[in-house]
Amino acid sequence: MTSLPPHPTTVADHRTERHRRRWRWALVLTAVLAVLAVVAGVRALLPPDPEEWFADHRADYDAAAAWALERGCCTSYYGLRLPESLQHLSETGKVSGEAPWEGSSEERALFFPQWLGIPDDAGGYWYSPSSSPAGLDMYGMSCRSPTSLGDGWWMCGL
């Protein structure tokens, strides 16, 4: 008994089915990549976590605080302009300060605003090594419930 060659429609059917499977995998792969691209794009548009941002830039904040304290920061309400290499640490490119209460032995507290409201209010990072910045002025808004970031650094209004 001799075997007959496959029927032409059977070969065509097999080819068509293989072609369909390849297209399905290509579509699945394309859909997965599209979803990943959308998720990455949305994530890039979201603001970074404030604690992660601070941790990533901690050395720069320490340098900016030392720089500002060396210069007796800050006599004007909105502060002292930071050096160009440190201006990214503040929404305004400046560091503000609040002097300790009269008769207090506390050091000056430094404020690095991360957002500004219109016409007033702000939120940001404080360098206040002596005590919590609770109650200190953030351009019209008092710092309430600050979060300690360690070593005299605080986050408030973020």
C-alpha atoms as a PDB file:
ATOM      1  CA  MET A   1       0.000   0.000   0.000  1.00  0.00           C
ATOM      2  CA  THR A   2       1.338   3.316  -1.012  1.00  0.00           C
ATOM      3  CA  SER A   3       0.688   6.484   0.825  1.00  0.00           C
ATOM      4  CA  LEU A   4      -0.970   9.244  -0.999  1.00  0.00           C
ATOM      5  CA  PRO A   5       0.294  12.801  -0.785  1.00  0.00           C
ATOM      6  CA  PRO A   6      -1.773  14.997   1.513  1.00  0.00           C
ATOM      7  CA  HIS A   7      -4.778  16.633   0.054  1.00  0.00           C
ATOM      8  CA  PRO A   8      -3.943  20.182  -1.104  1.00  0.00           C
ATOM      9  CA  THR A   9      -6.597  21.763   1.114  1.00  0.00           C
ATOM     10  CA  THR A  10      -5.094  20.032   4.165  1.00  0.00           C
ATOM     11  CA  VAL A  11      -1.643  21.550   3.492  1.00  0.00           C
ATOM     12  CA  ALA A  12      -3.216  24.935   2.921  1.00  0.00           C
ATOM     13  CA  ASP A  13      -5.227  24.576   6.129  1.00  0.00           C
ATOM     14  CA  HIS A  14      -2.061  23.778   8.101  1.00  0.00           C
ATOM     15  CA  ARG A  15      -0.261  26.769   6.660  1.00  0.00           C
ATOM     16  CA  THR A  16      -3.194  29.026   7.404  1.00  0.00           C
ATOM     17  CA  GLU A  17      -3.397  27.759  10.973  1.00  0.00           C
ATOM     18  CA  ARG A  18       0.360  28.334  11.527  1.00  0.00           C
ATOM     19  CA  HIS A  19      -0.006  31.805  10.075  1.00  0.00           C
ATOM     20  CA  ARG A  20      -2.935  32.548  12.415  1.00  0.00           C
ATOM     21  CA  ARG A  21      -0.942  31.338  15.462  1.00  0.00           C
ATOM     22  CA  ARG A  22       1.975  33.574  14.547  1.00  0.00           C
ATOM     23  CA  TRP A  23      -0.345  36.533  14.165  1.00  0.00           C
ATOM     24  CA  ARG A  24      -1.993  35.795  17.529  1.00  0.00           C
ATOM     25  CA  TRP A  25       1.393  35.761  19.270  1.00  0.00           C
ATOM     26  CA  ALA A  26       2.397  38.951  17.468  1.00  0.00           C
ATOM     27  CA  LEU A  27      -0.850  40.611  18.576  1.00  0.00           C
ATOM     28  CA  VAL A  28      -0.425  39.403  22.167  1.00  0.00           C
ATOM     29  CA  LEU A  29       3.167  40.638  22.255  1.00  0.00           C
ATOM     30  CA  THR A  30       2.141  43.988  20.750  1.00  0.00           C
ATOM     31  CA  ALA A  31      -0.676  44.369  23.288  1.00  0.00           C
ATOM     32  CA  VAL A  32       1.637  43.561  26.206  1.00  0.00           C
ATOM     33  CA  LEU A  33       4.239  46.062  24.995  1.00  0.00           C
ATOM     34  CA  ALA A  34       1.556  48.709  24.486  1.00  0.00           C
ATOM     35  CA  VAL A  35       0.233  48.213  28.030  1.00  0.00           C
ATOM     36  CA  LEU A  36       3.778  48.437  29.442  1.00  0.00           C
ATOM     37  CA  ALA A  37       4.419  51.629  27.475  1.00  0.00           C
ATOM     38  CA  VAL A  38       1.196  53.220  28.742  1.00  0.00           C
ATOM     39  CA  VAL A  39       1.982  52.263  32.353  1.00  0.00           C
ATOM     40  CA  ALA A  40       5.522  53.653  32.045  1.00  0.00           C
ATOM     41  CA  GLY A  41       4.190  56.863  30.480  1.00  0.00           C
ATOM     42  CA  VAL A  42       1.604  57.381  33.211  1.00  0.00           C
ATOM     43  CA  ARG A  43       4.170  56.655  35.905  1.00  0.00           C
ATOM     44  CA  ALA A  44       6.549  59.198  34.349  1.00  0.00           C
ATOM     45  CA  LEU A  45       3.824  61.862  34.543  1.00  0.00           C
ATOM     46  CA  LEU A  46       3.133  61.236  38.226  1.00  0.00           C
ATOM     47  CA  PRO A  47       5.148  63.237  40.724  1.00  0.00           C
ATOM     48  CA  PRO A  48       7.828  61.268  42.551  1.00  0.00           C
ATOM     49  CA  ASP A  49       7.208  60.075  46.097  1.00  0.00           C
ATOM     50  CA  PRO A  50       8.433  62.941  48.362  1.00  0.00           C
ATOM     51  CA  GLU A  51      10.362  60.632  50.689  1.00  0.00           C
ATOM     52  CA  GLU A  52      12.088  58.885  47.758  1.00  0.00           C
ATOM     53  CA  TRP A  53      12.919  62.261  46.157  1.00  0.00           C
ATOM     54  CA  PHE A  54      14.462  63.472  49.398  1.00  0.00           C
ATOM     55  CA  ALA A  55      16.433  60.232  49.909  1.00  0.00           C
ATOM     56  CA  ASP A  56      17.755  60.436  46.335  1.00  0.00           C
ATOM     57  CA  HIS A  57      18.883  64.057  46.852  1.00  0.00           C
ATOM     58  CA  ARG A  58      19.858  63.912  50.525  1.00  0.00           C
ATOM     59  CA  ALA A  59      23.510  64.838  49.950  1.00  0.00           C
ATOM     60  CA  ASP A  60      22.454  67.907  47.934  1.00  0.00           C
ATOM     61  CA  TYR A  61      20.040  69.004  50.676  1.00  0.00           C
ATOM     62  CA  ASP A  62      22.774  68.639  53.292  1.00  0.00           C
ATOM     63  CA  ALA A  63      25.111  70.740  51.138  1.00  0.00           C
ATOM     64  CA  ALA A  64      22.419  73.389  50.570  1.00  0.00           C
ATOM     65  CA  ALA A  65      21.644  73.625  54.298  1.00  0.00           C
ATOM     66  CA  ALA A  66      25.336  74.020  55.145  1.00  0.00           C
ATOM     67  CA  TRP A  67      25.695  76.644  52.405  1.00  0.00           C
ATOM     68  CA  ALA A  68      22.663  78.616  53.649  1.00  0.00           C
ATOM     69  CA  LEU A  69      23.684  78.472  57.310  1.00  0.00           C
ATOM     70  CA  GLU A  70      27.182  79.719  56.444  1.00  0.00           C
ATOM     71  CA  ARG A  71      25.581  82.788  54.873  1.00  0.00           C
ATOM     72  CA  GLY A  72      23.212  83.478  57.772  1.00  0.00           C
ATOM     73  CA  CYS A  73      20.124  82.614  55.762  1.00  0.00           C
ATOM     74  CA  CYS A  74      17.602  84.161  55.511  1.00  0.00           C
ATOM     75  CA  THR A  75      16.641  87.764  56.000  1.00  0.00           C
ATOM     76  CA  SER A  76      13.911  88.108  53.349  1.00  0.00           C
ATOM     77  CA  TYR A  77      10.599  86.267  53.606  1.00  0.00           C
ATOM     78  CA  TYR A  78      11.103  84.255  50.425  1.00  0.00           C
ATOM     79  CA  GLY A  79      14.736  83.528  51.127  1.00  0.00           C
ATOM     80  CA  LEU A  80      18.138  83.349  49.617  1.00  0.00           C
ATOM     81  CA  ARG A  81      18.794  82.195  46.051  1.00  0.00           C
ATOM     82  CA  LEU A  82      20.640  78.886  46.050  1.00  0.00           C
ATOM     83  CA  PRO A  83      23.706  78.319  43.867  1.00  0.00           C
ATOM     84  CA  GLU A  84      22.715  77.187  40.382  1.00  0.00           C
ATOM     85  CA  SER A  85      23.851  73.610  41.075  1.00  0.00           C
ATOM     86  CA  LEU A  86      21.391  73.376  44.014  1.00  0.00           C
ATOM     87  CA  GLN A  87      18.387  75.318  42.683  1.00  0.00           C
ATOM     88  CA  HIS A  88      16.621  72.092  41.674  1.00  0.00           C
ATOM     89  CA  LEU A  89      16.043  71.394  45.388  1.00  0.00           C
ATOM     90  CA  SER A  90      13.428  74.135  45.700  1.00  0.00           C
ATOM     91  CA  GLU A  91      10.425  75.154  43.609  1.00  0.00           C
ATOM     92  CA  THR A  92      11.637  78.756  43.773  1.00  0.00           C
ATOM     93  CA  GLY A  93      15.359  78.043  43.547  1.00  0.00           C
ATOM     94  CA  LYS A  94      15.623  79.609  47.009  1.00  0.00           C
ATOM     95  CA  VAL A  95      15.871  78.515  50.624  1.00  0.00           C
ATOM     96  CA  SER A  96      13.858  80.382  53.242  1.00  0.00           C
ATOM     97  CA  GLY A  97      14.447  80.494  56.935  1.00  0.00           C
ATOM     98  CA  GLU A  98      12.634  81.112  60.118  1.00  0.00           C
ATOM     99  CA  ALA A  99      14.524  82.445  63.083  1.00  0.00           C
ATOM    100  CA  PRO A 100      13.996  80.784  66.435  1.00  0.00           C
ATOM    101  CA  TRP A 101      11.665  82.397  68.941  1.00  0.00           C
ATOM    102  CA  GLU A 102      13.205  85.265  70.887  1.00  0.00           C
ATOM    103  CA  GLY A 103      15.182  83.984  73.853  1.00  0.00           C
ATOM    104  CA  SER A 104      15.350  80.479  72.382  1.00  0.00           C
ATOM    105  CA  SER A 105      18.637  78.654  72.000  1.00  0.00           C
ATOM    106  CA  GLU A 106      17.363  76.827  68.915  1.00  0.00           C
ATOM    107  CA  GLU A 107      19.031  77.167  65.536  1.00  0.00           C
ATOM    108  CA  ARG A 108      17.434  78.790  62.532  1.00  0.00           C
ATOM    109  CA  ALA A 109      15.091  76.458  60.619  1.00  0.00           C
ATOM    110  CA  LEU A 110      15.521  76.302  56.832  1.00  0.00           C
ATOM    111  CA  PHE A 111      12.644  75.742  54.397  1.00  0.00           C
ATOM    112  CA  PHE A 112      12.960  74.309  50.882  1.00  0.00           C
ATOM    113  CA  PRO A 113       9.539  74.770  49.215  1.00  0.00           C
ATOM    114  CA  GLN A 114       8.428  72.018  46.839  1.00  0.00           C
ATOM    115  CA  TRP A 115       5.124  73.586  45.816  1.00  0.00           C
ATOM    116  CA  LEU A 116       3.573  77.039  46.106  1.00  0.00           C
ATOM    117  CA  GLY A 117      -0.099  77.925  46.307  1.00  0.00           C
ATOM    118  CA  ILE A 118      -1.683  80.994  44.789  1.00  0.00           C
ATOM    119  CA  PRO A 119      -1.880  83.488  46.443  1.00  0.00           C
ATOM    120  CA  ASP A 120      -0.094  81.834  49.372  1.00  0.00           C
ATOM    121  CA  ASP A 121       0.728  78.555  51.153  1.00  0.00           C
ATOM    122  CA  ALA A 122       3.455  76.055  50.407  1.00  0.00           C
ATOM    123  CA  GLY A 123       4.794  72.644  51.329  1.00  0.00           C
ATOM    124  CA  GLY A 124       8.291  71.276  51.365  1.00  0.00           C
ATOM    125  CA  TYR A 125      11.280  70.129  53.356  1.00  0.00           C
ATOM    126  CA  TRP A 126      12.539  71.694  56.575  1.00  0.00           C
ATOM    127  CA  TYR A 127      15.963  71.511  58.106  1.00  0.00           C
ATOM    128  CA  SER A 128      15.304  72.022  61.799  1.00  0.00           C
ATOM    129  CA  PRO A 129      17.892  70.089  63.815  1.00  0.00           C
ATOM    130  CA  SER A 130      16.813  71.394  67.236  1.00  0.00           C
ATOM    131  CA  SER A 131      13.092  70.629  67.100  1.00  0.00           C
ATOM    132  CA  SER A 132      10.096  69.827  64.967  1.00  0.00           C
ATOM    133  CA  PRO A 133       9.054  72.584  62.543  1.00  0.00           C
ATOM    134  CA  ALA A 134       5.409  72.164  63.617  1.00  0.00           C
ATOM    135  CA  GLY A 135       3.756  75.574  63.608  1.00  0.00           C
ATOM    136  CA  LEU A 136       6.402  77.260  61.444  1.00  0.00           C
ATOM    137  CA  ASP A 137       5.238  79.410  58.544  1.00  0.00           C
ATOM    138  CA  MET A 138       5.252  78.031  54.993  1.00  0.00           C
ATOM    139  CA  TYR A 139       4.329  81.240  53.134  1.00  0.00           C
ATOM    140  CA  GLY A 140       0.974  81.564  54.852  1.00  0.00           C
ATOM    141  CA  MET A 141       0.310  77.977  55.883  1.00  0.00           C
ATOM    142  CA  SER A 142       1.520  76.566  59.188  1.00  0.00           C
ATOM    143  CA  CYS A 143       3.449  73.332  59.174  1.00  0.00           C
ATOM    144  CA  ARG A 144       1.174  70.696  60.739  1.00  0.00           C
ATOM    145  CA  SER A 145       2.050  67.073  61.444  1.00  0.00           C
ATOM    146  CA  PRO A 146       5.571  67.131  59.974  1.00  0.00           C
ATOM    147  CA  THR A 147       7.179  63.806  59.077  1.00  0.00           C
ATOM    148  CA  SER A 148      10.718  63.246  60.298  1.00  0.00           C
ATOM    149  CA  LEU A 149      13.193  62.255  57.601  1.00  0.00           C
ATOM    150  CA  GLY A 150      16.040  61.879  60.102  1.00  0.00           C
ATOM    151  CA  ASP A 151      18.990  63.980  61.209  1.00  0.00           C
ATOM    152  CA  GLY A 152      17.011  67.208  61.590  1.00  0.00           C
ATOM    153  CA  TRP A 153      15.176  66.963  58.257  1.00  0.00           C
ATOM    154  CA  TRP A 154      11.394  67.118  58.064  1.00  0.00           C
ATOM    155  CA  MET A 155       8.711  66.952  55.425  1.00  0.00           C
ATOM    156  CA  CYS A 156       5.592  69.071  55.788  1.00  0.00           C
ATOM    157  CA  GLY A 157       2.653  69.737  53.471  1.00  0.00           C
ATOM    158  CA  LEU A 158       3.696  67.111  50.931  1.00  0.00           C
END
